[in-house]
Protein backbone atom coordinates (compact mmCIF):
# COMPACT_ATOMS: atom_id res chain seq x y z
CA MET A 1 147.20 80.58 90.31
CA ALA A 2 144.32 78.22 91.12
CA PRO A 3 140.86 79.81 91.20
CA ARG A 4 139.41 80.41 94.64
CA PRO A 5 136.67 77.90 95.50
CA ALA A 6 133.14 79.26 95.78
CA VAL A 7 131.64 80.00 99.17
CA LEU A 8 128.80 77.56 99.87
CA ILE A 9 126.19 78.48 102.48
CA SER A 10 123.86 75.96 104.09
CA ARG A 11 121.31 76.20 106.89
CA LEU A 12 121.57 73.64 109.69
CA GLU A 13 118.58 72.59 111.75
CA THR A 14 120.46 69.79 113.48
CA ILE A 15 124.19 69.99 114.12
CA ALA A 16 126.49 66.99 113.85
CA ALA A 17 128.97 66.64 116.71
CA SER A 18 131.95 67.28 114.44
CA ARG A 19 130.39 70.44 113.00
CA LEU A 20 129.35 71.68 116.42
CA SER A 21 132.93 71.25 117.61
CA GLN A 22 134.16 73.43 114.72
CA ILE A 23 131.58 76.12 115.45
CA VAL A 24 132.36 76.25 119.17
CA GLU A 25 136.10 76.32 118.52
CA LEU A 26 135.69 79.25 116.14
CA GLU A 27 133.43 81.04 118.60
CA GLN A 28 136.12 80.70 121.28
CA GLU A 29 138.71 82.16 118.91
CA ALA A 30 136.54 85.00 117.65
CA PHE A 31 134.71 86.20 120.77
CA PRO A 32 135.66 87.01 124.37
CA ALA A 33 134.14 84.81 127.09
CA CYS A 34 131.29 87.23 127.83
CA GLU A 35 130.01 86.94 124.24
CA ARG A 36 130.16 83.15 123.81
CA PHE A 37 127.13 80.90 123.66
CA GLY A 38 128.86 77.54 124.00
CA ALA A 39 127.78 74.17 122.63
CA VAL A 40 124.51 73.71 124.50
CA LEU A 41 123.04 77.16 123.83
CA MET A 42 124.23 77.06 120.22
CA GLN A 43 122.32 73.81 119.64
CA GLN A 44 119.23 75.15 121.37
CA GLN A 45 119.23 78.35 119.33
CA ALA A 46 119.70 76.51 116.03
CA ALA A 47 116.72 74.26 116.80
CA LEU A 48 114.27 77.10 117.51
CA ARG A 49 111.64 77.88 114.87
CA THR A 50 112.45 81.58 115.22
CA SER A 51 116.22 81.12 114.82
CA GLY A 52 118.63 79.82 112.22
CA LEU A 53 122.23 78.71 111.89
CA LEU A 54 124.08 79.22 108.61
CA VAL A 55 127.41 77.54 107.90
CA ALA A 56 129.91 78.56 105.23
CA GLU A 57 132.28 76.19 103.43
CA MET A 58 135.00 76.80 100.88
CA GLY A 59 135.71 73.62 99.02
CA SER A 60 135.11 71.04 101.72
CA ALA A 61 136.52 73.17 104.56
CA PHE A 62 134.49 74.83 107.30
CA ALA A 63 134.89 78.59 106.89
CA GLY A 64 132.47 80.32 109.24
CA PHE A 65 128.96 80.58 110.65
CA LEU A 66 126.13 83.01 111.28
CA LEU A 67 123.38 82.70 113.89
CA PHE A 68 120.19 84.72 113.55
CA SER A 69 116.79 85.02 115.23
CA ARG A 70 113.54 86.87 114.61
CA THR A 71 110.47 88.21 116.32
CA ALA A 72 107.24 89.25 114.63
CA SER A 73 108.63 92.65 113.64
CA SER A 74 112.44 92.50 113.78
CA GLY A 75 115.40 90.25 113.09
CA LEU A 76 118.71 89.90 114.90
CA ILE A 77 122.15 88.86 113.69
CA ALA A 78 123.31 87.21 116.91
CA LYS A 79 126.68 85.81 115.78
CA LEU A 80 128.93 86.09 112.74
CA ALA A 81 132.40 84.57 112.71
CA VAL A 82 134.86 83.62 109.96
CA CYS A 83 137.91 81.36 110.34
CA ALA A 84 141.14 83.37 110.28
CA HIS A 85 142.54 81.70 107.15
CA PHE A 86 139.32 82.41 105.20
CA ARG A 87 139.01 86.11 106.01
CA ARG A 88 139.01 88.57 103.11
CA CYS A 89 137.72 85.77 100.87
CA GLY A 90 134.09 86.91 100.78
CA VAL A 91 132.91 84.47 103.47
CA GLY A 92 131.59 87.13 105.86
CA SER A 93 129.74 88.90 103.05
CA ALA A 94 128.21 85.64 101.80
CA LEU A 95 127.01 84.69 105.29
CA LEU A 96 125.59 88.16 105.90
CA ARG A 97 123.76 88.25 102.56
CA HIS A 98 122.16 84.88 103.24
CA GLY A 99 121.30 85.86 106.81
CA ILE A 100 119.60 89.05 105.61
CA ALA A 101 117.70 87.10 102.95
CA GLU A 102 116.50 84.57 105.54
CA LEU A 103 115.32 87.27 107.90
CA GLU A 104 113.64 89.42 105.25
CA ARG A 105 111.86 86.49 103.60
CA PRO A 106 108.08 86.81 104.10
CA GLN A 107 106.67 84.46 106.72
CA ARG A 108 103.16 83.14 107.11
CA ARG A 109 100.47 85.52 105.86
CA GLY A 110 103.17 87.55 104.12
CA ALA A 111 104.51 89.14 107.32
CA THR A 112 108.05 90.50 107.09
CA VAL A 113 110.44 91.99 109.62
CA SER A 114 110.70 95.77 109.40
CA GLU A 115 114.32 95.89 110.58
CA ILE A 116 117.38 93.78 111.35
CA LEU A 117 119.54 94.62 114.37
CA LEU A 118 122.98 93.60 115.54
CA HIS A 119 125.51 94.56 118.19
CA VAL A 120 129.20 95.03 117.49
CA ASP A 121 132.22 96.11 119.51
CA PRO A 122 133.04 99.64 118.26
CA ALA A 123 136.72 98.65 118.24
CA ARG A 124 136.04 96.05 115.52
CA GLU A 125 136.43 98.42 112.61
CA GLU A 126 136.45 95.77 109.87
CA ALA A 127 133.27 94.19 111.20
CA ARG A 128 131.52 97.56 111.34
CA GLN A 129 132.57 98.33 107.76
CA LEU A 130 131.24 94.96 106.61
CA TYR A 131 127.86 95.67 108.18
CA GLU A 132 127.71 99.17 106.76
CA ALA A 133 128.46 97.75 103.29
CA HIS A 134 125.32 95.62 103.65
CA GLY A 135 122.97 98.43 104.61
CA PHE A 136 123.39 98.62 108.38
CA ASN A 137 123.61 102.04 109.99
CA ARG A 138 124.65 103.14 113.46
CA ALA A 139 121.60 103.37 115.70
CA ALA A 140 122.97 103.85 119.23
CA LEU A 141 125.98 103.38 121.46
CA LEU A 142 125.14 101.17 124.43
CA PRO A 143 127.53 101.80 127.37
CA GLY A 144 128.37 98.83 129.58
CA TYR A 145 126.84 96.28 127.19
CA TYR A 146 129.70 93.79 127.41
CA THR A 147 130.97 92.60 130.80
CA ASP A 148 134.51 91.27 130.54
CA ALA A 149 134.99 90.85 134.29
CA PRO A 150 133.36 92.14 137.47
CA GLY A 151 133.57 95.91 137.29
CA SER A 152 134.96 95.88 133.73
CA THR A 153 132.55 96.68 130.91
CA ARG A 154 132.67 97.79 127.29
CA ALA A 155 130.20 99.60 125.09
CA ALA A 156 128.44 98.03 122.12
CA LEU A 157 127.39 99.72 118.91
CA LEU A 158 123.79 98.93 117.96
CA MET A 159 123.39 98.84 114.19
CA ARG A 160 120.17 98.63 112.22
CA ARG A 161 119.15 97.77 108.68
CA LEU A 162 115.64 98.73 107.54
CA ASN A 163 113.84 96.21 105.36
CA PRO A 164 113.03 98.10 102.14
CA GLU A 165 110.25 95.64 101.21
CA SER A 166 108.50 96.07 104.56
CA HIS A 167 108.71 99.85 104.45
CA GLN A 168 107.48 99.91 100.85
CA GLN A 169 104.49 97.79 101.84
CA GLN A 170 103.78 100.14 104.73
CA ALA A 171 104.00 103.17 102.44
CA GLU A 172 101.69 101.53 99.88
CA SER A 173 99.17 100.46 102.51
CA ALA A 174 99.11 103.83 104.31
CA PRO A 175 96.54 105.46 101.93
CA MET A 176 94.33 102.35 102.22
CA ILE A 177 94.52 102.46 106.02
CA LYS A 178 93.66 106.15 106.03
CA ALA A 179 90.72 105.55 103.67
CA LYS A 180 89.45 102.70 105.85
CA ARG A 181 89.67 104.85 108.98
CA ARG A 182 87.81 107.67 107.17
CA ARG A 183 85.03 105.28 106.14
CA GLU A 184 84.77 104.05 109.73
CA GLU A 185 84.52 107.64 110.97
CA LEU A 186 81.80 108.43 108.43
CA ASP A 187 79.90 105.26 109.33
CA GLU A 188 80.17 106.15 113.00
CA HIS A 189 78.83 109.65 112.39
CA ALA A 190 76.08 108.27 110.18
CA GLY A 191 75.16 105.78 112.87
CA LEU A 192 75.01 108.53 115.46
CA GLY A 193 72.78 110.56 113.15
CA ARG A 194 70.40 107.63 112.63
CA THR A 195 70.25 107.00 116.39
CA SER A 196 69.41 110.65 117.06
CA LEU A 197 66.66 110.59 114.46
CA GLY A 198 65.26 107.39 115.86
CA VAL A 199 65.15 108.77 119.38
CA ALA A 200 63.48 111.95 118.19
């Protein structure tokens, strides 16, 4: 039995027409109409400084993609899809690991996101299990999140992964912040005392 080819992940800032066609075709297969971005929005999102598009290949074959975005304090896994014939080959896990690493990488001045969020259809059991295996936990059930047709909606499960590095930094900096605030309070009281003495 031939060894399985490794999963290769690359980040695209510009998307060739042939690759974009593969991504859009997979999106149409993997997501209902209400969840699709389409070619134009996909290109726009990939080009944003606050977003990123990861593509997976096995051998020379397109295997899947992941789209993510970030704000100053949080990240979002917006899309994750794997081609049917490459499922259960580690492609989804590889894309998710790389997406998490991209989002949790420190930005300018060392800032990091404190959490990563995603939405998933509660009926997609395998997808939910994949996310849980990578540190995501159920945060809330959002009724009516997906609109399949006028008057027809479905709930979404909001899942969240806390960034351990960010929370460790916050825990380590908490005593320093408290000490700084205490010094400011003492300085303020001392200043008030000096003012009172000066007036007297």
